[in-house]
C-alpha cells in the first residue's frame, strides 16, 4: 500500500472521484499533504444547565418570593427536616445560587437567572479548552477535526515526513481569531457551545491534518482546489479550500507538485500499464476532462493477480497525475452500471441512497439517457429480471 494512502485513511482516488463525479469539476492531479492547523488552548468559564431537584427549586422560590432568609423558617414553612434544608442550602451556596449568612440569605445573580429560566445553572471557572484553527487564514475548524477516532489532527508530523510534504503555517497564530470565533452565531459548529466563554488565550502549537488536495478546473464556486481531509473521509471541505487560497507559500508548493505530476505522467502511467500488461493502451486526453485509458470490456474480466480497477474509476499515480480507466463501448458501460448497482443493493438500501448512487454512477460511466423505466428494461435485457423488479420497487418510493 502507498504510505500516503495509509496516512490519509482513504485512497486519494476517492477524493479525485468526489471532485469529478459529485462536484462536477475536472480533476487535474491529486496530492496528499500535511495541512497546517493551530491547536489553541484557552482558559474558559463554563456555564452548565441541568434540571432542578424539587427541594432546591422550592428553596430558592421561598427566598426570592416569600422573603424567607433563614434555614429554620424555610424548614418550618416547607414542613421539611431542618438538617435536609441545611444540606440543600449548602449545595446551593457551593454552586453560587445562595449568598449571605443564615438569617440573611439572598439569591445571587446566577440564582436569580436560574429561577427566572427554570434551570439550575452552574459555573465552572478556569476550565481549559482546546480550539483548532486552520494554519493559513486562522479560520475555526468544525467539530470533525476534534474527533481523533475519525482521523483528527496529528500532534506531530514526523511519521509522515518521508511520504507526505508539509505545508507551512502562515506566520504566528492571531489571538483575535478566538474572539471572532466566540462572536459567530453558529459557533457550536466549531466546538464552542454558547455556554462556554473564553477568558484568555494560554498558548498554541502547530498540528497537521492529512489532506488530499485535488487541483481542478471548474471547481465549486470557482475554487481551484478541492480539499478532502482525513476527518471528512474523502468529502470536500470548502472552508479549508478557502483557507488554502489565502496562503501564497502553500499555493506555490502545490503548483510545484502539480508540475511534477505533469512531468512524470508519461513515465508513471506507462509503468502502471506495463504492470498490468496493457502497454498497448495509452492515455488520451478526453474532451474537457482528465486523461483516459480505453480498455476493451474483456480486460475488466481479468482474474489474474492485478486486474484493472473498476470501469470508470480514476487512478492516481505516485507523483499525483491521474487518468480514468475507460471503455469506449457504451453497452459495456451500461452493463458495468448494472453490475455496480447490484453490488450496492447487496444490503438493504434506502431509496434516496439508491437514487444518489445511480446519479454518481451516471456521472462516472456516462451510460447515456436512462430513466427509471429504461434502467429496469436494461436489467431485463441483460437477463436480470430480479434486479429490475427490485429496482422498480425501490425507485417508486424515492
Protein backbone atom coordinates (compact mmCIF):
# COMPACT_ATOMS: atom_id res chain seq x y z
CA UNK A 1 0.00 0.00 0.00
CA UNK A 2 1.20 3.50 -0.80
CA UNK A 3 2.23 5.05 2.58
CA UNK A 4 0.45 8.26 1.61
CA UNK A 5 -2.79 6.30 1.31
CA UNK A 6 -2.30 4.69 4.72
CA UNK A 7 -1.67 8.04 6.41
CA UNK A 8 -4.63 9.68 4.72
CA UNK A 9 -7.05 6.91 5.70
CA UNK A 10 -8.64 6.61 2.24
CA UNK A 11 -7.45 6.24 -1.35
CA UNK A 12 -6.64 9.65 -2.92
CA UNK A 13 -8.52 8.41 -6.00
CA UNK A 14 -11.68 8.65 -3.88
CA UNK A 15 -11.04 12.38 -3.42
CA UNK A 16 -10.42 12.84 -7.15
CA UNK A 17 -13.62 10.93 -7.96
CA UNK A 18 -15.55 13.06 -5.46
CA UNK A 19 -14.27 16.16 -7.27
CA UNK A 20 -15.12 14.76 -10.70
CA UNK A 21 -18.41 12.94 -10.23
CA UNK A 22 -20.04 14.64 -7.24
CA UNK A 23 -18.77 18.22 -7.56
CA UNK A 24 -18.68 18.10 -11.40
CA UNK A 25 -15.18 19.59 -11.56
CA UNK A 26 -12.30 18.34 -13.71
CA UNK A 27 -9.51 16.89 -11.53
CA UNK A 28 -6.05 17.75 -12.85
CA UNK A 29 -3.94 15.85 -10.30
CA UNK A 30 -4.17 14.71 -6.66
CA UNK A 31 -1.65 15.30 -3.85
CA UNK A 32 -1.56 14.09 -0.27
CA UNK A 33 -0.17 16.73 2.08
CA UNK A 34 0.01 17.59 5.75
CA UNK A 35 -2.17 20.68 6.11
CA UNK A 36 -1.21 23.16 8.89
CA UNK A 37 -3.50 23.61 11.89
CA UNK A 38 -3.23 25.69 15.06
CA UNK A 39 -4.07 23.93 18.33
CA UNK A 40 -5.00 26.73 20.75
CA UNK A 41 -5.52 26.29 24.50
CA UNK A 42 -7.81 28.79 26.23
CA UNK A 43 -8.98 29.37 29.79
CA UNK A 44 -12.76 29.41 29.86
CA UNK A 45 -15.79 29.82 32.06
CA UNK A 46 -18.31 27.04 31.53
CA UNK A 47 -21.98 27.50 32.42
CA UNK A 48 -23.84 24.22 32.52
CA UNK A 49 -27.61 23.73 32.78
CA UNK A 50 -29.43 20.88 34.48
CA UNK A 51 -32.94 20.28 35.83
CA UNK A 52 -33.73 21.48 39.35
CA UNK A 53 -34.14 18.99 42.14
CA UNK A 54 -37.58 19.64 43.65
CA UNK A 55 -36.37 20.80 47.07
CA UNK A 56 -33.75 23.13 45.56
CA UNK A 57 -36.37 24.76 43.35
CA UNK A 58 -38.74 25.39 46.27
CA UNK A 59 -35.98 26.74 48.49
CA UNK A 60 -34.87 29.44 46.04
CA UNK A 61 -38.52 30.31 45.34
CA UNK A 62 -39.11 30.77 49.07
CA UNK A 63 -36.06 33.01 49.37
CA UNK A 64 -36.98 35.07 46.29
CA UNK A 65 -40.78 35.19 46.51
CA UNK A 66 -41.64 34.69 50.21
CA UNK A 67 -38.71 36.65 51.63
CA UNK A 68 -37.60 33.80 53.92
CA UNK A 69 -33.94 34.24 54.86
CA UNK A 70 -33.13 31.54 57.46
CA UNK A 71 -32.86 27.76 57.33
CA UNK A 72 -35.18 27.25 60.31
CA UNK A 73 -38.06 29.28 58.88
CA UNK A 74 -37.55 27.66 55.48
CA UNK A 75 -37.79 24.20 57.07
CA UNK A 76 -40.88 25.22 59.04
CA UNK A 77 -42.56 26.82 56.00
CA UNK A 78 -41.97 23.78 53.78
CA UNK A 79 -42.54 21.22 56.56
CA UNK A 80 -39.12 19.67 55.90
CA UNK A 81 -36.44 18.23 58.17
CA UNK A 82 -34.11 21.12 59.20
CA UNK A 83 -30.99 19.01 58.52
CA UNK A 84 -32.21 18.32 54.97
CA UNK A 85 -32.82 22.03 54.40
CA UNK A 86 -29.35 22.96 55.69
CA UNK A 87 -27.81 20.35 53.38
CA UNK A 88 -29.71 21.69 50.36
CA UNK A 89 -28.76 25.28 51.20
CA UNK A 90 -25.10 24.25 51.47
CA UNK A 91 -25.31 22.83 47.93
CA UNK A 92 -26.98 25.99 46.58
CA UNK A 93 -24.25 28.07 48.22
CA UNK A 94 -21.49 25.93 46.67
CA UNK A 95 -22.94 26.30 43.15
CA UNK A 96 -23.31 30.05 43.66
CA UNK A 97 -27.10 30.43 43.86
CA UNK A 98 -27.44 31.48 47.52
CA UNK A 99 -25.34 34.10 49.31
CA UNK A 100 -25.33 35.69 52.76
CA UNK A 101 -25.38 34.22 56.27
CA UNK A 102 -28.15 32.06 57.72
CA UNK A 103 -30.83 34.57 58.66
CA UNK A 104 -29.95 36.95 55.83
CA UNK A 105 -30.00 34.61 52.84
CA UNK A 106 -30.49 36.07 49.33
CA UNK A 107 -30.27 34.90 45.76
CA UNK A 108 -27.11 35.64 43.81
CA UNK A 109 -27.37 36.97 40.21
CA UNK A 110 -26.82 33.40 38.99
CA UNK A 111 -29.59 32.20 41.31
CA UNK A 112 -32.00 34.86 40.01
CA UNK A 113 -31.20 33.91 36.40
CA UNK A 114 -31.74 30.24 37.19
CA UNK A 115 -35.07 30.92 38.89
CA UNK A 116 -36.24 33.10 36.00
CA UNK A 117 -35.35 30.50 33.36
CA UNK A 118 -36.39 27.46 35.40
CA UNK A 119 -32.99 25.78 35.01
CA UNK A 120 -30.23 25.15 37.53
CA UNK A 121 -27.12 26.80 36.10
CA UNK A 122 -23.69 26.00 37.46
CA UNK A 123 -20.48 27.82 36.58
CA UNK A 124 -17.06 26.21 36.37
CA UNK A 125 -14.20 28.69 36.42
CA UNK A 126 -10.72 28.18 34.98
CA UNK A 127 -11.75 25.37 32.65
CA UNK A 128 -9.17 24.54 29.96
CA UNK A 129 -10.41 24.11 26.39
CA UNK A 130 -8.71 23.30 23.08
CA UNK A 131 -9.76 25.12 19.91
CA UNK A 132 -8.45 24.47 16.40
CA UNK A 133 -7.94 26.91 13.53
CA UNK A 134 -6.51 26.38 10.08
CA UNK A 135 -2.89 27.43 9.71
CA UNK A 136 -3.43 29.65 6.66
CA UNK A 137 -6.34 32.02 7.34
CA UNK A 138 -6.83 31.27 11.07
CA UNK A 139 -10.48 30.37 10.47
CA UNK A 140 -12.00 27.93 13.03
CA UNK A 141 -12.29 24.24 12.18
CA UNK A 142 -15.52 22.30 12.56
CA UNK A 143 -16.21 19.62 15.15
CA UNK A 144 -14.95 16.82 12.87
CA UNK A 145 -11.38 18.00 13.48
CA UNK A 146 -11.72 17.27 17.21
CA UNK A 147 -12.68 13.60 16.80
CA UNK A 148 -9.48 11.58 16.97
CA UNK A 149 -11.32 8.33 16.28
CA UNK A 150 -12.42 9.81 12.95
CA UNK A 151 -8.88 10.76 12.00
CA UNK A 152 -8.39 14.15 13.63
CA UNK A 153 -5.19 16.20 13.63
CA UNK A 154 -1.82 14.61 14.34
CA UNK A 155 0.19 16.34 17.05
CA UNK A 156 3.46 15.56 15.28
CA UNK A 157 4.15 15.15 11.59
CA UNK A 158 7.38 13.15 11.99
CA UNK A 159 5.98 9.80 10.95
CA UNK A 160 4.58 11.34 7.74
CA UNK A 161 7.60 13.36 6.64
CA UNK A 162 9.09 10.66 4.40
CA UNK A 163 5.89 10.24 2.41
CA UNK A 164 3.86 13.44 2.71
CA UNK A 165 5.09 17.00 2.15
CA UNK A 166 4.17 19.52 4.82
CA UNK A 167 2.54 22.82 4.01
CA UNK A 168 3.65 25.74 6.14
CA UNK A 169 1.80 27.72 8.81
CA UNK A 170 1.18 31.33 7.82
CA UNK A 171 3.02 33.43 10.44
CA UNK A 172 2.21 33.28 14.15
CA UNK A 173 -1.24 32.50 15.49
CA UNK A 174 -3.53 35.53 15.53
CA UNK A 175 -5.11 35.82 19.02
CA UNK A 176 -8.07 37.81 17.71
CA UNK A 177 -9.29 34.65 15.97
CA UNK A 178 -10.59 33.31 19.31
CA UNK A 179 -12.81 36.35 19.91
CA UNK A 180 -14.01 36.21 16.30
CA UNK A 181 -14.99 32.57 16.80
CA UNK A 182 -16.87 33.40 20.01
CA UNK A 183 -18.90 36.04 18.13
CA UNK A 184 -20.11 33.64 15.42
CA UNK A 185 -23.85 32.83 15.53
CA UNK A 186 -23.09 29.20 14.59
CA UNK A 187 -20.11 28.81 16.94
CA UNK A 188 -21.33 25.39 18.13
CA UNK A 189 -20.30 24.00 14.69
CA UNK A 190 -16.73 24.88 15.66
CA UNK A 191 -16.70 23.09 19.03
CA UNK A 192 -17.56 26.18 21.09
CA UNK A 193 -21.04 25.88 22.67
CA UNK A 194 -22.83 29.03 23.82
CA UNK A 195 -22.33 28.01 27.48
CA UNK A 196 -18.55 28.50 27.20
CA UNK A 197 -16.92 31.90 27.46
CA UNK A 198 -13.23 32.18 26.59
CA UNK A 199 -11.40 34.27 29.21
CA UNK A 200 -7.80 34.10 27.98
CA UNK A 201 -5.57 32.51 25.35
CA UNK A 202 -2.98 30.40 27.17
CA UNK A 203 -0.88 29.20 24.24
CA UNK A 204 -0.81 27.47 20.88
CA UNK A 205 1.16 24.87 18.93
CA UNK A 206 1.38 23.52 15.39
CA UNK A 207 -0.56 20.45 14.30
CA UNK A 208 -1.11 18.84 10.90
CA UNK A 209 -4.02 17.13 9.19
CA UNK A 210 -3.54 14.64 6.32
CA UNK A 211 -5.42 16.11 3.35
CA UNK A 212 -5.81 15.14 -0.29
CA UNK A 213 -5.63 18.29 -2.41
CA UNK A 214 -7.10 18.00 -5.92
CA UNK A 215 -6.32 20.88 -8.30
CA UNK A 216 -9.40 21.25 -10.51
CA UNK A 217 -10.85 23.18 -13.40
CA UNK A 218 -14.43 24.38 -12.97
CA UNK A 219 -14.45 23.79 -9.21
CA UNK A 220 -17.43 24.61 -6.95
CA UNK A 221 -17.91 28.37 -6.62
CA UNK A 222 -14.86 28.91 -8.79
CA UNK A 223 -12.49 27.09 -6.42
CA UNK A 224 -9.18 25.98 -7.92
CA UNK A 225 -8.70 23.22 -5.37
CA UNK A 226 -10.87 20.54 -3.81
CA UNK A 227 -9.63 19.58 -0.33
CA UNK A 228 -10.61 16.24 1.20
CA UNK A 229 -9.19 15.90 4.74
CA UNK A 230 -8.91 12.69 6.72
CA UNK A 231 -11.56 13.76 9.28
CA UNK A 232 -14.12 14.02 6.45
CA UNK A 233 -13.12 10.69 4.86
CA UNK A 234 -12.81 11.94 1.30
CA UNK A 235 -15.51 14.63 1.32
CA UNK A 236 -14.69 18.18 0.27
CA UNK A 237 -14.18 20.87 2.94
CA UNK A 238 -14.92 24.23 1.27
CA UNK A 239 -13.73 26.19 4.32
CA UNK A 240 -10.31 24.56 4.17
CA UNK A 241 -10.17 25.21 0.42
CA UNK A 242 -10.84 28.91 1.01
CA UNK A 243 -8.11 28.97 3.66
CA UNK A 244 -5.62 27.42 1.26
CA UNK A 245 -6.30 30.15 -1.30
CA UNK A 246 -5.03 32.76 1.22
CA UNK A 247 -1.54 31.25 1.52
CA UNK A 248 0.96 32.12 -1.20
CA UNK A 249 3.51 29.62 0.13
CA UNK A 250 1.00 26.73 0.15
CA UNK A 251 -0.20 27.57 -3.35
CA UNK A 252 3.37 27.72 -4.61
CA UNK A 253 4.13 24.29 -3.11
CA UNK A 254 1.03 22.78 -4.71
CA UNK A 255 1.76 24.33 -8.09
CA UNK A 256 5.22 22.76 -7.97
CA UNK A 257 3.69 19.39 -7.09
CA UNK A 258 1.23 19.68 -9.96
CA UNK A 259 4.04 20.48 -12.41
CA UNK A 260 5.98 17.44 -11.18
CA UNK A 261 2.88 15.29 -11.74
CA UNK A 262 2.63 16.57 -15.31
CA UNK A 263 6.32 15.96 -15.97
CA UNK A 264 6.18 12.38 -14.66
CA UNK A 265 2.80 11.46 -16.13
CA UNK A 266 4.01 9.65 -19.26
CA UNK A 267 6.62 7.60 -17.40
CA UNK A 268 4.42 6.69 -14.43
CA UNK A 269 1.32 5.88 -16.47
CA UNK A 270 3.44 3.74 -18.81
CA UNK A 271 4.87 1.83 -15.85
CA UNK A 272 1.39 1.30 -14.41
CA UNK A 273 0.05 -0.05 -17.71
CA UNK A 274 3.08 -2.29 -18.19
CA UNK A 275 2.50 -3.89 -14.80
CA UNK A 276 -1.00 -4.88 -15.99
CA UNK A 277 0.36 -5.94 -19.43
CA UNK A 278 -1.62 -3.18 -21.07
CA UNK A 279 1.23 -1.27 -22.69
CA UNK A 280 -0.68 -1.05 -25.98
CA UNK A 281 -3.34 1.11 -24.29
CA UNK A 282 -2.07 4.67 -23.97
CA UNK A 283 -3.71 7.55 -22.04
CA UNK A 284 -5.54 10.04 -24.20
CA UNK A 285 -6.92 13.42 -23.20
CA UNK A 286 -10.73 13.27 -23.13
CA UNK A 287 -12.83 16.19 -24.30
CA UNK A 288 -12.58 18.70 -21.45
CA UNK A 289 -11.86 16.02 -18.84
CA UNK A 290 -8.90 14.05 -17.46
CA UNK A 291 -6.81 11.58 -19.45
CA UNK A 292 -8.49 8.27 -20.19
CA UNK A 293 -7.07 4.82 -20.83
CA UNK A 294 -9.50 2.97 -23.09
CA UNK A 295 -9.67 -0.80 -22.47
CA UNK A 296 -11.79 -3.46 -24.13
CA UNK A 297 -14.56 -4.93 -21.98
CA UNK A 298 -12.71 -8.25 -21.79
CA UNK A 299 -9.82 -6.54 -19.98
CA UNK A 300 -12.08 -5.87 -16.99
CA UNK A 301 -12.89 -9.57 -16.65
CA UNK A 302 -9.26 -10.48 -15.96
CA UNK A 303 -8.92 -12.60 -12.84
CA UNK A 304 -5.13 -12.50 -12.58
CA UNK A 305 -3.00 -11.10 -9.78
CA UNK A 306 -3.60 -7.49 -10.80
CA UNK A 307 -6.93 -6.96 -12.54
CA UNK A 308 -7.58 -3.36 -13.64
CA UNK A 309 -9.63 -1.08 -11.42
CA UNK A 310 -13.37 -0.85 -11.99
CA UNK A 311 -14.51 0.67 -15.25
CA UNK A 312 -14.95 4.43 -14.93
CA UNK A 313 -12.77 4.76 -11.83
CA UNK A 314 -9.78 7.09 -11.51
CA UNK A 315 -6.18 6.03 -10.96
CA UNK A 316 -3.80 8.34 -9.09
CA UNK A 317 -0.12 7.88 -9.93
CA UNK A 318 2.77 8.29 -7.42
CA UNK A 319 3.50 11.92 -8.37
CA UNK A 320 -0.19 12.83 -8.38
CA UNK A 321 -1.04 12.54 -12.07
CA UNK A 322 -4.30 10.75 -12.80
CA UNK A 323 -6.37 9.14 -15.52
CA UNK A 324 -9.73 7.42 -15.86
CA UNK A 325 -9.97 3.74 -16.67
CA UNK A 326 -12.42 3.74 -19.56
CA UNK A 327 -14.21 1.66 -22.15
CA UNK A 328 -15.45 3.20 -25.36
CA UNK A 329 -18.30 0.69 -25.70
CA UNK A 330 -21.39 2.34 -24.17
CA UNK A 331 -23.11 -1.06 -23.91
CA UNK A 332 -20.22 -2.29 -21.76
CA UNK A 333 -20.52 0.82 -19.57
CA UNK A 334 -24.24 0.16 -19.12
CA UNK A 335 -23.53 -3.42 -18.10
CA UNK A 336 -20.96 -2.13 -15.62
CA UNK A 337 -23.53 0.28 -14.19
CA UNK A 338 -25.94 -2.61 -13.63
CA UNK A 339 -23.20 -4.67 -12.03
CA UNK A 340 -22.26 -1.93 -9.58
CA UNK A 341 -25.90 -1.21 -8.75
CA UNK A 342 -26.47 -4.88 -7.99
CA UNK A 343 -23.45 -4.91 -5.68
CA UNK A 344 -24.73 -1.77 -3.98
CA UNK A 345 -28.09 -3.43 -3.39
CA UNK A 346 -26.40 -6.37 -1.67
CA UNK A 347 -27.54 -4.85 1.62
CA UNK A 348 -30.88 -3.23 2.35
CA UNK A 349 -30.78 0.31 0.88
CA UNK A 350 -32.95 3.36 1.30
CA UNK A 351 -34.48 4.75 -1.91
CA UNK A 352 -32.65 8.07 -1.50
CA UNK A 353 -29.30 6.25 -1.21
CA UNK A 354 -30.01 4.19 -4.33
CA UNK A 355 -31.01 7.32 -6.26
CA UNK A 356 -27.79 9.07 -5.18
CA UNK A 357 -25.75 6.04 -6.21
CA UNK A 358 -27.36 5.97 -9.63
CA UNK A 359 -26.62 9.67 -10.11
CA UNK A 360 -22.97 9.06 -9.17
CA UNK A 361 -22.62 6.07 -11.50
CA UNK A 362 -24.29 8.02 -14.29
CA UNK A 363 -21.65 10.75 -13.98
CA UNK A 364 -18.85 8.19 -13.74
CA UNK A 365 -19.84 5.80 -16.56
CA UNK A 366 -21.76 8.10 -18.94
CA UNK A 367 -24.28 5.42 -19.97
CA UNK A 368 -26.43 7.84 -21.96
CA UNK A 369 -30.06 8.71 -21.19
CA UNK A 370 -31.54 6.19 -18.73
CA UNK A 371 -34.75 6.99 -16.88
CA UNK A 372 -36.14 4.53 -14.33
CA UNK A 373 -38.11 2.50 -16.87
CA UNK A 374 -35.18 2.35 -19.31
CA UNK A 375 -32.89 1.21 -16.50
CA UNK A 376 -35.26 -1.58 -15.48
CA UNK A 377 -35.71 -2.59 -19.12
CA UNK A 378 -31.92 -2.71 -19.49
CA UNK A 379 -31.68 -5.05 -16.49
CA UNK A 380 -34.29 -7.35 -18.07
CA UNK A 381 -32.47 -7.29 -21.42
CA UNK A 382 -29.25 -8.30 -19.65
CA UNK A 383 -31.01 -11.30 -18.09
CA UNK A 384 -31.62 -9.95 -14.60
CA UNK A 385 -35.37 -9.61 -14.12
CA UNK A 386 -34.92 -9.92 -10.34
CA UNK A 387 -32.69 -6.84 -10.35
CA UNK A 388 -35.24 -4.98 -12.50
CA UNK A 389 -38.08 -5.85 -10.10
CA UNK A 390 -36.07 -4.76 -7.08
CA UNK A 391 -35.01 -1.50 -8.71
CA UNK A 392 -38.58 -0.74 -9.76
CA UNK A 393 -39.80 -1.35 -6.20
CA UNK A 394 -37.14 0.85 -4.64
CA UNK A 395 -37.24 3.71 -7.15
CA UNK A 396 -41.02 4.12 -6.97
CA UNK A 397 -40.55 5.02 -3.28
CA UNK A 398 -37.98 7.76 -3.92
